[in-house]
Amino acid sequence: MTLALLEQEVPTPIGTLLLIVDAAGALRAAEWADGRERLPRLLRQHYGSGAFTLTASATSPAFQDAFQAYFAGHTRALDGLPIQTGGTAFQARVWQALRTIPPGQPTSYHAFGLQLGLLRHARAIGHANAANPLNIIVPCHRLVGSSGSLTGYAGGLDRKRWLLAHEAASVQANSPP
């Protein structure tokens, strides 16, 4: 059976985000438009060659509203979006755990590995992070190097820096005095 996927564009302050949504309304992928060439490879990796069709569609108001709220400083606005991913059980475990990292509190790969009980699996965690199909929604940008240095991000280090600064400022602005 072929999975019918719809591609929707959502403008953001740091570029257009391409959302891939299934017929049930679950997000399957979110990729920056300037990384569009990565998208088919990512979808094939998760669903197999010829296992999906991709058609352009209008943006769902629910997704548009959630991203507008996130970029307006409500950093938890994306938490309730319905998602469905392919991937291995290990990848799913890493992606689920990434969603528990609070906005404004980036963590190192080392600390994240400790949290998962996978201290000696930093490389596997890195590979799962790189295969994350849901930019921002599964916040892989919140993982940093042990020294706090920025490490790779599919959307580029400038976007990662912006997202981390945006979340830190939003959390600080919304904290009680």
Protein backbone atom coordinates (compact mmCIF):
# COMPACT_ATOMS: atom_id res chain seq x y z
CA MET A 1 0.00 0.00 0.00
CA THR A 2 1.30 3.44 -0.94
CA LEU A 3 1.30 6.14 1.72
CA ALA A 4 -0.27 9.38 0.39
CA LEU A 5 1.61 12.38 1.78
CA LEU A 6 0.84 16.07 1.41
CA GLU A 7 3.53 18.76 1.35
CA GLN A 8 2.64 22.05 3.01
CA GLU A 9 4.77 25.18 3.32
CA VAL A 10 4.91 27.21 6.51
CA PRO A 11 6.80 30.52 6.49
CA THR A 12 8.95 31.19 9.56
CA PRO A 13 11.33 34.02 10.53
CA ILE A 14 14.29 31.79 9.59
CA GLY A 15 13.03 30.31 6.33
CA THR A 16 10.22 28.24 4.91
CA LEU A 17 9.52 24.93 6.57
CA LEU A 18 8.12 22.08 4.47
CA LEU A 19 5.66 19.96 6.41
CA ILE A 20 4.83 16.46 5.20
CA VAL A 21 1.43 15.34 6.46
CA ASP A 22 -0.42 12.05 6.00
CA ALA A 23 -4.13 11.69 5.19
CA ALA A 24 -4.96 11.36 8.90
CA GLY A 25 -3.36 14.74 9.62
CA ALA A 26 -0.20 13.49 11.35
CA LEU A 27 3.13 15.12 10.62
CA ARG A 28 5.54 12.69 8.99
CA ALA A 29 8.40 15.11 8.26
CA ALA A 30 9.40 18.76 8.60
CA GLU A 31 12.34 20.00 6.55
CA TRP A 32 13.68 23.44 5.69
CA ALA A 33 12.86 24.41 2.09
CA ASP A 34 16.52 25.06 1.32
CA GLY A 35 17.15 21.41 2.26
CA ARG A 36 14.45 20.18 -0.10
CA GLU A 37 16.88 17.76 -1.80
CA ARG A 38 17.24 15.90 1.54
CA LEU A 39 13.49 15.34 1.83
CA PRO A 40 12.96 12.50 -0.70
CA ARG A 41 16.00 10.66 0.67
CA LEU A 42 14.69 11.07 4.22
CA LEU A 43 11.22 9.82 3.25
CA ARG A 44 12.68 6.82 1.38
CA GLN A 45 14.83 6.06 4.42
CA HIS A 46 11.75 5.98 6.64
CA TYR A 47 9.11 4.50 4.33
CA GLY A 48 10.97 2.78 1.49
CA SER A 49 11.29 3.51 -2.22
CA GLY A 50 7.97 3.78 -3.99
CA ALA A 51 6.09 3.40 -0.69
CA PHE A 52 4.72 6.96 -0.75
CA THR A 53 3.41 9.68 -3.01
CA LEU A 54 4.00 13.36 -2.32
CA THR A 55 1.55 16.05 -3.44
CA ALA A 56 1.59 19.82 -2.78
CA SER A 57 -1.25 21.03 -0.58
CA ALA A 58 -2.48 24.11 1.25
CA THR A 59 -1.20 24.64 4.77
CA SER A 60 -3.46 23.43 7.56
CA PRO A 61 -4.52 26.30 9.84
CA ALA A 62 -3.68 24.18 12.90
CA PHE A 63 -0.06 23.76 11.79
CA GLN A 64 0.19 27.40 10.72
CA ASP A 65 -1.16 28.55 14.11
CA ALA A 66 1.16 26.25 16.08
CA PHE A 67 4.27 27.48 14.27
CA GLN A 68 3.20 31.12 14.53
CA ALA A 69 2.74 30.63 18.29
CA TYR A 70 6.14 28.92 18.61
CA PHE A 71 7.92 31.73 16.78
CA ALA A 72 5.98 34.30 18.82
CA GLY A 73 7.60 32.86 21.96
CA HIS A 74 5.22 30.09 23.04
CA THR A 75 7.90 27.43 22.82
CA ARG A 76 5.58 24.59 23.87
CA ALA A 77 3.10 25.29 21.04
CA LEU A 78 4.44 22.42 18.93
CA ASP A 79 4.24 19.80 21.70
CA GLY A 80 0.68 18.76 20.92
CA LEU A 81 1.04 18.39 17.16
CA PRO A 82 0.21 14.87 15.98
CA ILE A 83 3.28 13.07 14.66
CA GLN A 84 3.94 9.70 13.07
CA THR A 85 7.42 8.61 12.11
CA GLY A 86 9.06 5.65 10.50
CA GLY A 87 12.49 4.60 11.69
CA THR A 88 13.82 1.93 13.98
CA ALA A 89 12.80 1.30 17.59
CA PHE A 90 16.10 2.86 18.70
CA GLN A 91 15.48 5.99 16.62
CA ALA A 92 11.95 6.28 17.98
CA ARG A 93 13.32 6.05 21.52
CA VAL A 94 15.84 8.84 20.85
CA TRP A 95 13.24 11.04 19.13
CA GLN A 96 10.74 10.56 21.96
CA ALA A 97 13.42 11.48 24.50
CA LEU A 98 14.40 14.57 22.48
CA ARG A 99 10.86 15.85 22.95
CA THR A 100 11.42 15.83 26.73
CA ILE A 101 14.32 18.32 26.60
CA PRO A 102 12.78 21.59 27.82
CA PRO A 103 13.01 24.65 25.57
CA GLY A 104 15.81 26.96 26.63
CA GLN A 105 17.76 24.12 28.25
CA PRO A 106 20.00 22.54 25.62
CA THR A 107 21.79 19.41 26.76
CA SER A 108 24.98 17.71 25.67
CA TYR A 109 25.08 14.43 23.80
CA HIS A 110 26.88 13.01 26.84
CA ALA A 111 24.16 14.08 29.31
CA PHE A 112 21.48 12.91 26.89
CA GLY A 113 23.18 9.51 26.61
CA LEU A 114 23.26 9.28 30.42
CA GLN A 115 19.55 10.16 30.58
CA LEU A 116 18.77 7.33 28.15
CA GLY A 117 21.12 4.89 29.88
CA LEU A 118 23.16 4.76 26.67
CA LEU A 119 26.41 6.43 27.67
CA ARG A 120 28.54 4.36 25.27
CA HIS A 121 26.17 4.93 22.36
CA ALA A 122 26.90 8.59 21.57
CA ARG A 123 27.58 7.83 17.91
CA ALA A 124 24.31 5.88 17.53
CA ILE A 125 22.45 8.74 19.24
CA GLY A 126 24.10 11.16 16.81
CA HIS A 127 23.01 9.05 13.83
CA ALA A 128 19.43 8.83 15.16
CA ASN A 129 19.46 12.58 15.73
CA ALA A 130 20.65 13.15 12.15
CA ALA A 131 17.85 10.92 10.82
CA ASN A 132 15.21 12.89 12.72
CA PRO A 133 12.47 13.66 10.18
CA LEU A 134 10.77 16.39 12.23
CA ASN A 135 12.89 19.54 12.54
CA ILE A 136 11.89 21.72 15.50
CA ILE A 137 8.96 19.42 16.49
CA VAL A 138 11.44 16.76 17.59
CA PRO A 139 13.96 19.31 18.88
CA CYS A 140 17.26 17.84 17.77
CA HIS A 141 18.64 21.40 17.81
CA ARG A 142 18.67 21.20 21.63
CA LEU A 143 21.60 18.74 21.60
CA VAL A 144 25.01 20.42 21.81
CA GLY A 145 28.61 19.38 22.29
CA SER A 146 30.00 18.67 25.78
CA SER A 147 31.51 22.14 25.99
CA GLY A 148 28.23 23.72 24.92
CA SER A 149 29.55 24.12 21.39
CA LEU A 150 27.12 23.88 18.51
CA THR A 151 27.30 20.65 16.57
CA GLY A 152 25.71 19.74 13.24
CA TYR A 153 22.12 20.54 12.39
CA ALA A 154 20.40 19.71 9.10
CA GLY A 155 19.05 23.28 8.92
CA GLY A 156 22.53 24.76 9.43
CA LEU A 157 24.32 26.08 12.48
CA ASP A 158 22.93 29.61 12.00
CA ARG A 159 19.39 28.27 12.36
CA LYS A 160 20.39 26.12 15.33
CA ARG A 161 21.96 29.15 17.02
CA TRP A 162 18.81 31.20 16.29
CA LEU A 163 16.45 28.50 17.61
CA LEU A 164 18.43 28.06 20.83
CA ALA A 165 18.59 31.84 21.40
CA HIS A 166 14.87 32.20 20.60
CA GLU A 167 13.91 29.47 23.06
CA ALA A 168 16.19 30.80 25.81
CA ALA A 169 14.82 34.34 25.41
CA SER A 170 11.21 33.10 25.28
CA VAL A 171 11.61 30.98 28.40
CA GLN A 172 13.27 33.87 30.24
CA ALA A 173 10.56 36.33 29.12
CA ASN A 174 7.80 33.96 30.28
CA SER A 175 9.40 33.12 33.66
CA PRO A 176 7.82 34.52 36.81
CA PRO A 177 9.82 37.42 38.34
